[in-house]
N, C-alpha and C. Protein backbone atom coordinates (compact mmCIF):
# COMPACT_ATOMS: atom_id res chain seq x y z
N MET A 1 113.12 114.02 99.52
CA MET A 1 112.12 113.24 100.28
C MET A 1 111.30 112.37 99.33
N ASN A 2 111.13 111.11 99.69
CA ASN A 2 110.32 110.20 98.89
C ASN A 2 108.89 110.16 99.42
N TYR A 3 107.93 110.15 98.49
CA TYR A 3 106.52 110.06 98.83
C TYR A 3 106.00 108.68 98.44
N ASN A 4 105.29 108.06 99.36
CA ASN A 4 104.79 106.70 99.14
C ASN A 4 103.45 106.71 98.40
N ILE A 5 103.35 105.82 97.42
CA ILE A 5 102.16 105.73 96.58
C ILE A 5 101.59 104.32 96.61
N VAL A 6 100.26 104.23 96.60
CA VAL A 6 99.57 102.96 96.45
C VAL A 6 98.71 103.07 95.20
N ILE A 7 98.71 102.03 94.38
CA ILE A 7 97.92 101.99 93.16
C ILE A 7 96.76 101.02 93.36
N VAL A 8 95.54 101.50 93.10
CA VAL A 8 94.35 100.66 93.23
C VAL A 8 93.71 100.56 91.85
N ASP A 9 93.84 99.39 91.22
CA ASP A 9 93.34 99.19 89.86
C ASP A 9 93.10 97.70 89.65
N ASP A 10 91.93 97.34 89.15
CA ASP A 10 91.63 95.92 88.98
C ASP A 10 92.34 95.31 87.77
N HIS A 11 92.92 96.14 86.90
CA HIS A 11 93.71 95.63 85.79
C HIS A 11 95.17 95.50 86.24
N VAL A 12 95.57 94.29 86.51
CA VAL A 12 96.90 94.04 87.08
C VAL A 12 98.01 94.55 86.18
N LEU A 13 97.86 94.37 84.88
CA LEU A 13 98.90 94.82 83.95
C LEU A 13 99.08 96.34 84.01
N ILE A 14 97.96 97.05 84.08
CA ILE A 14 98.03 98.51 84.17
C ILE A 14 98.67 98.94 85.48
N ALA A 15 98.26 98.30 86.57
CA ALA A 15 98.82 98.63 87.88
C ALA A 15 100.32 98.38 87.91
N ASN A 16 100.75 97.25 87.38
CA ASN A 16 102.18 96.93 87.36
C ASN A 16 102.96 97.87 86.45
N ALA A 17 102.35 98.23 85.32
CA ALA A 17 103.02 99.15 84.39
C ALA A 17 103.19 100.53 85.03
N LEU A 18 102.15 101.00 85.72
CA LEU A 18 102.26 102.28 86.42
C LEU A 18 103.33 102.23 87.51
N ALA A 19 103.35 101.13 88.25
CA ALA A 19 104.35 100.97 89.31
C ALA A 19 105.77 100.99 88.73
N GLU A 20 105.96 100.35 87.59
CA GLU A 20 107.27 100.32 86.94
C GLU A 20 107.68 101.71 86.50
N ILE A 21 106.74 102.46 85.93
CA ILE A 21 107.04 103.82 85.48
C ILE A 21 107.38 104.72 86.67
N ILE A 22 106.55 104.65 87.71
CA ILE A 22 106.76 105.51 88.88
C ILE A 22 108.05 105.18 89.61
N SER A 23 108.49 103.92 89.54
CA SER A 23 109.75 103.52 90.20
C SER A 23 110.96 104.28 89.66
N LYS A 24 110.81 104.84 88.47
CA LYS A 24 111.91 105.60 87.86
C LYS A 24 111.87 107.08 88.22
N PHE A 25 110.81 107.50 88.89
CA PHE A 25 110.71 108.90 89.31
C PHE A 25 111.55 109.14 90.56
N LYS A 26 112.13 110.29 90.65
CA LYS A 26 113.08 110.60 91.72
C LYS A 26 112.45 110.60 93.11
N ASP A 27 111.26 111.21 93.24
CA ASP A 27 110.72 111.47 94.57
C ASP A 27 109.54 110.59 94.99
N PHE A 28 109.30 109.52 94.20
CA PHE A 28 108.11 108.71 94.48
C PHE A 28 108.42 107.22 94.52
N ASN A 29 107.66 106.53 95.37
CA ASN A 29 107.89 105.11 95.57
C ASN A 29 106.55 104.38 95.73
N VAL A 30 106.32 103.37 94.91
CA VAL A 30 105.08 102.57 95.02
C VAL A 30 105.31 101.48 96.06
N ILE A 31 104.51 101.49 97.13
CA ILE A 31 104.73 100.51 98.20
C ILE A 31 103.91 99.23 98.01
N TYR A 32 102.78 99.33 97.31
CA TYR A 32 102.02 98.13 96.94
C TYR A 32 100.88 98.51 96.00
N THR A 33 100.24 97.49 95.43
CA THR A 33 99.08 97.70 94.56
C THR A 33 97.89 96.92 95.11
N CYS A 34 96.68 97.35 94.74
CA CYS A 34 95.45 96.68 95.17
C CYS A 34 94.53 96.51 93.97
N GLU A 35 93.67 95.51 94.03
CA GLU A 35 92.77 95.23 92.91
C GLU A 35 91.44 95.97 93.00
N ASN A 36 91.07 96.43 94.19
CA ASN A 36 89.83 97.18 94.38
C ASN A 36 89.83 97.80 95.77
N GLY A 37 88.73 98.49 96.09
CA GLY A 37 88.66 99.17 97.37
C GLY A 37 88.71 98.24 98.57
N LYS A 38 88.09 97.09 98.46
CA LYS A 38 88.10 96.14 99.58
C LYS A 38 89.51 95.63 99.85
N ASP A 39 90.24 95.38 98.76
CA ASP A 39 91.63 94.95 98.90
C ASP A 39 92.45 96.03 99.60
N LEU A 40 92.19 97.30 99.25
CA LEU A 40 92.88 98.41 99.90
C LEU A 40 92.55 98.48 101.38
N GLN A 41 91.29 98.31 101.73
CA GLN A 41 90.89 98.35 103.14
C GLN A 41 91.62 97.31 103.98
N GLN A 42 91.88 96.15 103.38
CA GLN A 42 92.57 95.09 104.10
C GLN A 42 94.05 95.36 104.27
N LYS A 43 94.64 96.05 103.30
CA LYS A 43 96.09 96.25 103.31
C LYS A 43 96.55 97.54 104.00
N ILE A 44 95.73 98.57 103.98
CA ILE A 44 96.21 99.90 104.36
C ILE A 44 96.60 100.00 105.83
N ASN A 45 95.97 99.23 106.69
CA ASN A 45 96.29 99.32 108.12
C ASN A 45 97.52 98.52 108.52
N SER A 46 97.96 97.62 107.66
CA SER A 46 99.08 96.73 108.02
C SER A 46 100.40 97.16 107.42
N THR A 47 100.42 98.31 106.73
CA THR A 47 101.64 98.78 106.09
C THR A 47 101.82 100.27 106.34
N ILE A 48 102.89 100.81 105.77
CA ILE A 48 103.12 102.25 105.85
C ILE A 48 101.98 102.99 105.16
N LYS A 49 101.46 104.01 105.81
CA LYS A 49 100.37 104.77 105.21
C LYS A 49 100.89 105.58 104.03
N PRO A 50 100.26 105.47 102.87
CA PRO A 50 100.74 106.19 101.69
C PRO A 50 100.43 107.69 101.74
N ASP A 51 101.19 108.45 100.97
CA ASP A 51 100.92 109.88 100.82
C ASP A 51 99.88 110.11 99.73
N ILE A 52 99.95 109.26 98.69
CA ILE A 52 99.05 109.37 97.54
C ILE A 52 98.47 108.00 97.21
N ILE A 53 97.20 108.00 96.84
CA ILE A 53 96.58 106.78 96.31
C ILE A 53 96.10 107.07 94.90
N LEU A 54 96.62 106.32 93.93
CA LEU A 54 96.15 106.40 92.55
C LEU A 54 94.97 105.45 92.44
N LEU A 55 93.78 105.98 92.26
CA LEU A 55 92.55 105.21 92.41
C LEU A 55 91.77 105.11 91.11
N ASP A 56 91.66 103.88 90.60
CA ASP A 56 90.86 103.64 89.40
C ASP A 56 89.40 103.94 89.71
N VAL A 57 88.70 104.56 88.75
CA VAL A 57 87.30 104.91 88.95
C VAL A 57 86.40 103.68 88.80
N SER A 58 86.63 102.88 87.77
CA SER A 58 85.77 101.73 87.47
C SER A 58 86.42 100.43 87.92
N MET A 59 85.87 99.85 88.99
CA MET A 59 86.39 98.59 89.53
C MET A 59 85.23 97.76 90.05
N PRO A 60 85.37 96.43 90.08
CA PRO A 60 84.34 95.57 90.67
C PRO A 60 84.42 95.59 92.20
N GLU A 61 83.40 95.11 92.85
CA GLU A 61 83.31 94.95 94.30
C GLU A 61 83.21 96.28 95.05
N MET A 62 84.22 97.14 94.93
CA MET A 62 84.20 98.45 95.58
C MET A 62 84.88 99.43 94.64
N ASP A 63 84.09 100.20 93.92
CA ASP A 63 84.65 101.05 92.86
C ASP A 63 85.33 102.30 93.40
N GLY A 64 85.82 103.12 92.48
CA GLY A 64 86.57 104.30 92.89
C GLY A 64 85.75 105.31 93.65
N PHE A 65 84.47 105.46 93.30
CA PHE A 65 83.62 106.42 93.99
C PHE A 65 83.44 106.05 95.46
N GLU A 66 83.09 104.79 95.69
CA GLU A 66 82.89 104.31 97.06
C GLU A 66 84.19 104.33 97.85
N THR A 67 85.27 103.94 97.19
CA THR A 67 86.58 103.91 97.86
C THR A 67 87.04 105.31 98.22
N ALA A 68 86.85 106.27 97.31
CA ALA A 68 87.25 107.65 97.58
C ALA A 68 86.49 108.21 98.78
N LYS A 69 85.20 107.93 98.84
CA LYS A 69 84.40 108.42 99.96
C LYS A 69 84.89 107.82 101.27
N TRP A 70 85.18 106.51 101.27
CA TRP A 70 85.68 105.86 102.48
C TRP A 70 87.04 106.44 102.89
N LEU A 71 87.91 106.64 101.91
CA LEU A 71 89.24 107.18 102.20
C LEU A 71 89.16 108.59 102.78
N SER A 72 88.32 109.43 102.18
CA SER A 72 88.23 110.82 102.64
C SER A 72 87.67 110.91 104.05
N GLU A 73 86.86 109.93 104.44
CA GLU A 73 86.30 109.91 105.79
C GLU A 73 87.25 109.27 106.80
N THR A 74 88.01 108.27 106.35
CA THR A 74 88.88 107.50 107.25
C THR A 74 90.31 108.02 107.30
N TYR A 75 90.84 108.41 106.14
CA TYR A 75 92.21 108.92 106.04
C TYR A 75 92.21 110.23 105.24
N PRO A 76 91.66 111.30 105.81
CA PRO A 76 91.51 112.56 105.07
C PRO A 76 92.83 113.21 104.64
N ASP A 77 93.93 112.81 105.26
CA ASP A 77 95.22 113.41 104.90
C ASP A 77 95.87 112.74 103.69
N ILE A 78 95.34 111.59 103.24
CA ILE A 78 95.88 110.92 102.06
C ILE A 78 95.31 111.60 100.81
N LEU A 79 96.18 111.92 99.88
CA LEU A 79 95.76 112.57 98.64
C LEU A 79 95.27 111.52 97.64
N ILE A 80 94.07 111.71 97.13
CA ILE A 80 93.48 110.76 96.18
C ILE A 80 93.60 111.32 94.77
N MET A 81 94.27 110.57 93.89
CA MET A 81 94.34 110.91 92.47
C MET A 81 93.52 109.88 91.71
N ALA A 82 92.41 110.31 91.13
CA ALA A 82 91.55 109.40 90.39
C ALA A 82 92.18 109.03 89.05
N LEU A 83 92.00 107.77 88.65
CA LEU A 83 92.48 107.28 87.36
C LEU A 83 91.27 106.86 86.53
N SER A 84 91.21 107.31 85.29
CA SER A 84 90.05 106.96 84.47
C SER A 84 90.43 106.84 83.00
N MET A 85 89.62 106.06 82.27
CA MET A 85 89.78 105.97 80.82
C MET A 85 88.96 107.05 80.13
N GLN A 86 88.01 107.65 80.86
CA GLN A 86 87.08 108.60 80.27
C GLN A 86 87.23 109.99 80.89
N ASN A 87 87.05 111.01 80.05
CA ASN A 87 87.13 112.37 80.55
C ASN A 87 85.74 113.00 80.66
N ASP A 88 84.81 112.25 81.27
CA ASP A 88 83.44 112.73 81.36
C ASP A 88 83.23 113.55 82.63
N ASP A 89 82.39 114.57 82.53
CA ASP A 89 82.15 115.47 83.65
C ASP A 89 81.51 114.77 84.83
N ALA A 90 80.61 113.81 84.56
CA ALA A 90 79.89 113.14 85.65
C ALA A 90 80.84 112.44 86.61
N SER A 91 81.80 111.69 86.05
CA SER A 91 82.77 110.98 86.91
C SER A 91 83.66 111.96 87.64
N LEU A 92 84.08 113.01 86.94
CA LEU A 92 84.93 114.03 87.57
C LEU A 92 84.22 114.67 88.76
N ILE A 93 82.99 115.09 88.56
CA ILE A 93 82.22 115.74 89.63
C ILE A 93 82.04 114.80 90.82
N LYS A 94 81.67 113.56 90.53
CA LYS A 94 81.40 112.61 91.62
C LYS A 94 82.67 112.27 92.39
N MET A 95 83.81 112.15 91.70
CA MET A 95 85.06 111.86 92.40
C MET A 95 85.50 113.03 93.28
N ILE A 96 85.31 114.26 92.78
CA ILE A 96 85.64 115.43 93.59
C ILE A 96 84.72 115.48 94.82
N LYS A 97 83.44 115.22 94.58
CA LYS A 97 82.47 115.23 95.67
C LYS A 97 82.84 114.20 96.74
N ASN A 98 83.42 113.09 96.32
CA ASN A 98 83.78 112.02 97.26
C ASN A 98 85.18 112.15 97.82
N GLY A 99 85.87 113.24 97.48
CA GLY A 99 87.14 113.52 98.15
C GLY A 99 88.40 113.48 97.31
N ALA A 100 88.30 113.19 96.01
CA ALA A 100 89.50 113.16 95.17
C ALA A 100 90.09 114.56 95.04
N LYS A 101 91.41 114.65 95.11
CA LYS A 101 92.12 115.92 94.96
C LYS A 101 92.77 116.05 93.59
N GLY A 102 92.63 115.01 92.77
CA GLY A 102 93.20 115.05 91.44
C GLY A 102 92.48 114.09 90.52
N TYR A 103 92.68 114.28 89.23
CA TYR A 103 92.02 113.43 88.24
C TYR A 103 92.96 113.30 87.05
N MET A 104 93.17 112.06 86.61
CA MET A 104 94.16 111.80 85.58
C MET A 104 93.66 110.71 84.63
N LEU A 105 93.85 110.92 83.34
CA LEU A 105 93.49 109.90 82.36
C LEU A 105 94.60 108.87 82.23
N LYS A 106 94.22 107.63 81.93
CA LYS A 106 95.21 106.55 81.89
C LYS A 106 96.12 106.61 80.67
N ASN A 107 95.78 107.44 79.70
CA ASN A 107 96.66 107.56 78.53
C ASN A 107 97.72 108.65 78.71
N ILE A 108 97.91 109.08 79.94
CA ILE A 108 98.89 110.11 80.26
C ILE A 108 100.31 109.64 79.94
N GLN A 109 101.15 110.56 79.50
CA GLN A 109 102.55 110.25 79.21
C GLN A 109 103.36 110.23 80.52
N PRO A 110 104.43 109.43 80.57
CA PRO A 110 105.22 109.32 81.80
C PRO A 110 105.68 110.66 82.38
N LEU A 111 106.15 111.58 81.53
CA LEU A 111 106.61 112.87 82.03
C LEU A 111 105.46 113.65 82.66
N GLU A 112 104.29 113.61 82.01
CA GLU A 112 103.13 114.31 82.55
C GLU A 112 102.67 113.67 83.85
N LEU A 113 102.81 112.35 83.94
CA LEU A 113 102.46 111.65 85.17
C LEU A 113 103.34 112.13 86.32
N GLU A 114 104.63 112.23 86.08
CA GLU A 114 105.55 112.70 87.12
C GLU A 114 105.22 114.12 87.54
N VAL A 115 104.96 114.98 86.56
CA VAL A 115 104.61 116.37 86.85
C VAL A 115 103.31 116.45 87.64
N SER A 116 102.33 115.62 87.27
CA SER A 116 101.03 115.65 87.96
C SER A 116 101.18 115.23 89.42
N LEU A 117 102.03 114.25 89.68
CA LEU A 117 102.26 113.82 91.07
C LEU A 117 102.97 114.91 91.86
N GLN A 118 103.92 115.58 91.23
CA GLN A 118 104.63 116.68 91.90
C GLN A 118 103.68 117.82 92.24
N LYS A 119 102.79 118.14 91.29
CA LYS A 119 101.82 119.22 91.53
C LYS A 119 100.83 118.84 92.61
N LEU A 120 100.44 117.56 92.64
CA LEU A 120 99.51 117.09 93.66
C LEU A 120 100.11 117.25 95.05
N ILE A 121 101.38 116.91 95.19
CA ILE A 121 102.06 117.06 96.48
C ILE A 121 102.22 118.53 96.85
N LYS A 122 102.62 119.34 95.90
CA LYS A 122 102.91 120.75 96.18
C LYS A 122 101.66 121.59 96.39
N LYS A 123 100.65 121.40 95.52
CA LYS A 123 99.46 122.25 95.57
C LYS A 123 98.26 121.58 96.22
N ARG A 124 98.42 120.30 96.57
CA ARG A 124 97.35 119.52 97.19
C ARG A 124 96.19 119.26 96.24
N ARG A 125 96.42 119.42 94.95
CA ARG A 125 95.42 119.11 93.94
C ARG A 125 96.09 119.06 92.58
N TYR A 126 95.46 118.32 91.66
CA TYR A 126 95.91 118.32 90.26
C TYR A 126 94.74 117.95 89.36
N PHE A 127 94.41 118.86 88.45
CA PHE A 127 93.37 118.60 87.47
C PHE A 127 93.89 118.99 86.09
N PRO A 128 93.73 118.11 85.10
CA PRO A 128 94.23 118.38 83.76
C PRO A 128 93.44 119.49 83.08
N GLU A 129 93.97 119.95 81.98
CA GLU A 129 93.38 121.10 81.29
C GLU A 129 91.95 120.85 80.86
N TRP A 130 91.65 119.62 80.40
CA TRP A 130 90.29 119.34 79.93
C TRP A 130 89.27 119.49 81.05
N ALA A 131 89.70 119.34 82.29
CA ALA A 131 88.80 119.42 83.43
C ALA A 131 88.60 120.86 83.90
N SER A 132 88.84 121.80 83.00
CA SER A 132 88.62 123.22 83.30
C SER A 132 89.44 123.66 84.50
N ILE A 133 90.75 123.46 84.41
CA ILE A 133 91.61 123.78 85.55
C ILE A 133 91.51 125.25 85.94
N LYS A 134 91.21 126.12 84.99
CA LYS A 134 91.07 127.54 85.34
C LYS A 134 89.92 127.75 86.30
N VAL A 135 88.91 126.91 86.18
CA VAL A 135 87.77 127.01 87.11
C VAL A 135 88.23 126.66 88.51
N PHE A 136 88.99 125.57 88.64
CA PHE A 136 89.46 125.13 89.95
C PHE A 136 90.39 126.18 90.56
N GLU A 137 91.26 126.76 89.74
CA GLU A 137 92.18 127.77 90.25
C GLU A 137 91.42 128.99 90.74
N SER A 138 90.41 129.41 89.99
CA SER A 138 89.64 130.59 90.39
C SER A 138 88.85 130.31 91.66
N LEU A 139 88.39 129.06 91.82
CA LEU A 139 87.61 128.72 93.00
C LEU A 139 88.47 128.71 94.25
N ASN A 140 89.78 128.54 94.11
CA ASN A 140 90.65 128.59 95.28
C ASN A 140 90.63 129.98 95.92
N ASP A 141 90.27 130.99 95.12
CA ASP A 141 90.23 132.36 95.63
C ASP A 141 88.87 132.73 96.18
N ILE A 142 87.90 131.83 96.06
CA ILE A 142 86.56 132.10 96.56
C ILE A 142 86.47 131.61 97.99
N ASP A 143 86.25 132.50 98.92
CA ASP A 143 86.14 132.13 100.32
C ASP A 143 84.82 131.40 100.55
N ASN A 144 84.80 130.47 101.47
CA ASN A 144 83.57 129.73 101.75
C ASN A 144 82.43 130.65 102.20
N ASP A 145 82.77 131.84 102.73
CA ASP A 145 81.74 132.76 103.17
C ASP A 145 81.11 133.51 102.00
N ASP A 146 81.67 133.34 100.81
CA ASP A 146 81.14 134.05 99.65
C ASP A 146 79.70 133.67 99.35
N LYS A 147 79.27 132.49 99.78
CA LYS A 147 77.89 132.11 99.54
C LYS A 147 76.93 133.05 100.28
N ASN A 148 77.46 133.76 101.31
CA ASN A 148 76.63 134.72 102.01
C ASN A 148 76.69 136.10 101.36
N ASN A 149 77.72 136.35 100.57
CA ASN A 149 77.89 137.63 99.91
C ASN A 149 77.21 137.67 98.56
N ILE A 150 77.16 136.53 97.88
CA ILE A 150 76.50 136.45 96.58
C ILE A 150 75.05 136.05 96.81
N LYS A 151 74.16 136.87 96.33
CA LYS A 151 72.74 136.62 96.56
C LYS A 151 72.22 135.55 95.59
N LEU A 152 71.88 134.41 96.13
CA LEU A 152 71.33 133.31 95.34
C LEU A 152 69.90 133.04 95.77
N SER A 153 69.05 132.80 94.79
CA SER A 153 67.66 132.46 95.12
C SER A 153 67.59 131.00 95.58
N ASN A 154 66.50 130.66 96.22
CA ASN A 154 66.31 129.28 96.67
C ASN A 154 66.33 128.30 95.49
N ARG A 155 65.77 128.74 94.37
CA ARG A 155 65.74 127.87 93.19
C ARG A 155 67.14 127.71 92.60
N GLU A 156 67.94 128.76 92.64
CA GLU A 156 69.32 128.66 92.16
C GLU A 156 70.13 127.72 93.05
N ILE A 157 69.90 127.78 94.34
CA ILE A 157 70.58 126.88 95.27
C ILE A 157 70.15 125.44 95.02
N GLU A 158 68.86 125.25 94.76
CA GLU A 158 68.36 123.92 94.45
C GLU A 158 69.03 123.39 93.18
N PHE A 159 69.16 124.25 92.18
CA PHE A 159 69.83 123.85 90.94
C PHE A 159 71.30 123.51 91.21
N LEU A 160 71.97 124.30 92.04
CA LEU A 160 73.37 124.03 92.37
C LEU A 160 73.53 122.65 92.98
N LYS A 161 72.60 122.29 93.85
CA LYS A 161 72.67 120.96 94.48
C LYS A 161 72.55 119.85 93.44
N TYR A 162 71.62 120.02 92.52
CA TYR A 162 71.45 119.00 91.48
C TYR A 162 72.64 118.97 90.52
N SER A 163 73.36 120.08 90.40
CA SER A 163 74.51 120.12 89.49
C SER A 163 75.64 119.20 89.94
N THR A 164 75.62 118.79 91.22
CA THR A 164 76.67 117.89 91.72
C THR A 164 76.33 116.43 91.47
N THR A 165 75.19 116.17 90.87
CA THR A 165 74.79 114.80 90.56
C THR A 165 75.06 114.49 89.09
N GLU A 166 74.66 113.30 88.67
CA GLU A 166 74.83 112.90 87.27
C GLU A 166 73.58 113.21 86.44
N MET A 167 72.64 113.93 87.00
CA MET A 167 71.40 114.24 86.29
C MET A 167 71.65 115.11 85.06
N SER A 168 70.87 114.87 84.02
CA SER A 168 70.86 115.77 82.86
C SER A 168 70.02 116.98 83.22
N TYR A 169 70.09 118.02 82.40
CA TYR A 169 69.26 119.20 82.66
C TYR A 169 67.78 118.86 82.57
N LYS A 170 67.43 117.95 81.68
CA LYS A 170 66.03 117.52 81.56
C LYS A 170 65.57 116.84 82.84
N GLU A 171 66.42 116.00 83.42
CA GLU A 171 66.07 115.31 84.66
C GLU A 171 65.96 116.30 85.82
N MET A 172 66.85 117.32 85.82
CA MET A 172 66.75 118.36 86.84
C MET A 172 65.42 119.08 86.76
N ALA A 173 65.00 119.38 85.51
CA ALA A 173 63.74 120.08 85.30
C ALA A 173 62.58 119.29 85.87
N GLU A 174 62.60 117.97 85.70
CA GLU A 174 61.54 117.12 86.25
C GLU A 174 61.54 117.16 87.77
N LYS A 175 62.72 117.13 88.37
CA LYS A 175 62.83 117.19 89.83
C LYS A 175 62.36 118.54 90.38
N MET A 176 62.63 119.59 89.61
CA MET A 176 62.32 120.94 90.06
C MET A 176 60.93 121.40 89.60
N PHE A 177 60.23 120.50 88.90
CA PHE A 177 58.87 120.79 88.42
C PHE A 177 58.83 122.08 87.59
N CYS A 178 59.74 122.15 86.62
CA CYS A 178 59.78 123.29 85.73
C CYS A 178 60.23 122.82 84.35
N SER A 179 60.31 123.71 83.41
CA SER A 179 60.71 123.35 82.05
C SER A 179 62.23 123.30 81.94
N PRO A 180 62.76 122.54 80.98
CA PRO A 180 64.22 122.54 80.74
C PRO A 180 64.76 123.93 80.46
N ARG A 181 63.96 124.77 79.80
CA ARG A 181 64.39 126.14 79.50
C ARG A 181 64.57 126.94 80.78
N THR A 182 63.68 126.73 81.76
CA THR A 182 63.81 127.43 83.04
C THR A 182 65.08 127.00 83.76
N VAL A 183 65.40 125.71 83.68
CA VAL A 183 66.63 125.19 84.29
C VAL A 183 67.85 125.85 83.63
N GLU A 184 67.80 125.98 82.33
CA GLU A 184 68.90 126.64 81.61
C GLU A 184 69.03 128.10 82.04
N ASN A 185 67.92 128.73 82.35
CA ASN A 185 67.96 130.11 82.83
C ASN A 185 68.66 130.20 84.19
N TYR A 186 68.36 129.23 85.08
CA TYR A 186 69.05 129.18 86.37
C TYR A 186 70.55 129.00 86.15
N ARG A 187 70.91 128.10 85.24
CA ARG A 187 72.32 127.85 84.93
C ARG A 187 73.00 129.13 84.44
N ASP A 188 72.38 129.80 83.48
CA ASP A 188 72.98 131.01 82.90
C ASP A 188 73.10 132.13 83.93
N SER A 189 72.10 132.22 84.80
CA SER A 189 72.14 133.23 85.86
C SER A 189 73.30 132.98 86.80
N LEU A 190 73.52 131.72 87.15
CA LEU A 190 74.62 131.36 88.05
C LEU A 190 75.97 131.55 87.37
N PHE A 191 76.06 131.25 86.09
CA PHE A 191 77.30 131.52 85.35
C PHE A 191 77.68 133.00 85.51
N THR A 192 76.68 133.87 85.37
CA THR A 192 76.93 135.31 85.45
C THR A 192 77.30 135.74 86.87
N LYS A 193 76.53 135.28 87.85
CA LYS A 193 76.75 135.69 89.24
C LYS A 193 78.09 135.20 89.78
N LEU A 194 78.45 133.97 89.40
CA LEU A 194 79.66 133.35 89.98
C LEU A 194 80.88 133.49 89.08
N GLY A 195 80.70 134.00 87.87
CA GLY A 195 81.82 134.17 86.96
C GLY A 195 82.38 132.85 86.46
N LEU A 196 81.49 131.87 86.25
CA LEU A 196 81.89 130.54 85.81
C LEU A 196 81.36 130.28 84.40
N LYS A 197 81.89 129.21 83.77
CA LYS A 197 81.52 128.94 82.39
C LYS A 197 81.08 127.50 82.14
N THR A 198 81.28 126.60 83.10
CA THR A 198 80.98 125.19 82.88
C THR A 198 80.18 124.60 84.03
N ARG A 199 79.51 123.50 83.76
CA ARG A 199 78.78 122.80 84.82
C ARG A 199 79.74 122.27 85.87
N VAL A 200 80.92 121.84 85.43
CA VAL A 200 81.92 121.37 86.40
C VAL A 200 82.23 122.48 87.40
N GLY A 201 82.38 123.70 86.89
CA GLY A 201 82.64 124.83 87.78
C GLY A 201 81.53 125.05 88.78
N LEU A 202 80.27 124.96 88.31
CA LEU A 202 79.13 125.10 89.21
C LEU A 202 79.13 124.01 90.27
N ALA A 203 79.42 122.78 89.85
CA ALA A 203 79.42 121.65 90.78
C ALA A 203 80.49 121.81 91.85
N VAL A 204 81.69 122.23 91.43
CA VAL A 204 82.77 122.41 92.39
C VAL A 204 82.44 123.55 93.36
N TYR A 205 81.86 124.63 92.83
CA TYR A 205 81.45 125.73 93.70
C TYR A 205 80.43 125.23 94.73
N ALA A 206 79.47 124.44 94.26
CA ALA A 206 78.44 123.91 95.16
C ALA A 206 79.05 123.05 96.25
N ILE A 207 79.98 122.19 95.88
CA ILE A 207 80.62 121.29 96.83
C ILE A 207 81.43 122.09 97.86
N LYS A 208 82.20 123.07 97.38
CA LYS A 208 83.05 123.85 98.27
C LYS A 208 82.25 124.71 99.23
N ASN A 209 81.02 125.07 98.84
CA ASN A 209 80.22 125.97 99.66
C ASN A 209 79.04 125.29 100.35
N GLY A 210 79.08 123.97 100.44
CA GLY A 210 78.10 123.25 101.22
C GLY A 210 76.74 123.11 100.59
N PHE A 211 76.67 123.23 99.23
CA PHE A 211 75.41 123.08 98.54
C PHE A 211 75.28 121.70 97.89
N SER A 212 76.18 120.77 98.23
CA SER A 212 76.15 119.46 97.62
C SER A 212 74.92 118.68 98.07
N LEU A 213 74.31 117.97 97.13
CA LEU A 213 73.11 117.19 97.43
C LEU A 213 73.51 115.86 98.07
N ASP A 214 72.96 115.54 99.22
CA ASP A 214 73.23 114.26 99.89
C ASP A 214 72.48 113.17 99.14
N GLU A 215 73.23 112.13 98.73
CA GLU A 215 72.61 111.04 97.94
C GLU A 215 72.52 109.78 98.79
């Protein structure tokens, strides 16, 4: 079975290069490319609906964050694989929050690209090792009702909500009217209670359990 892919990237050379590489994969087919989110909005209704959208994070007019949010609301069954030049936690968290099911760096090797697409189709998600994939795997075993079983204080919940944003711990402390050290104590307490080790893990837990901060 062939799976249809759309590439959204404002760098035409990169988009064409990706399309050329993917054309050699057995089970995947690129049906068209777009330069940004607005271009995608114009094209997606007039063609075959894709199974996967490879979505650049940084684009003019309508960037990857805005496009991912629109896609997840309008076409929730389409799998979004974010494309980025940077492996920063802030972009990863925001793309997941906006509906991305995968995240991939643009310096990926062709074989790894093919494997990542296969895993995305099979498991409905794909996150590389740097993105703390063990955290994501462990969170798949956490039931959404677990937020009722694990006792969290109101301040810990408030911290969890801020963890889904791009705020630094110092900025969180200002919002919470406390010291940076107190914020770190909330973080460490949650690491222990939830069995997590990274801020990305806390953010994903918050998103999965309805603690995401509305921006």
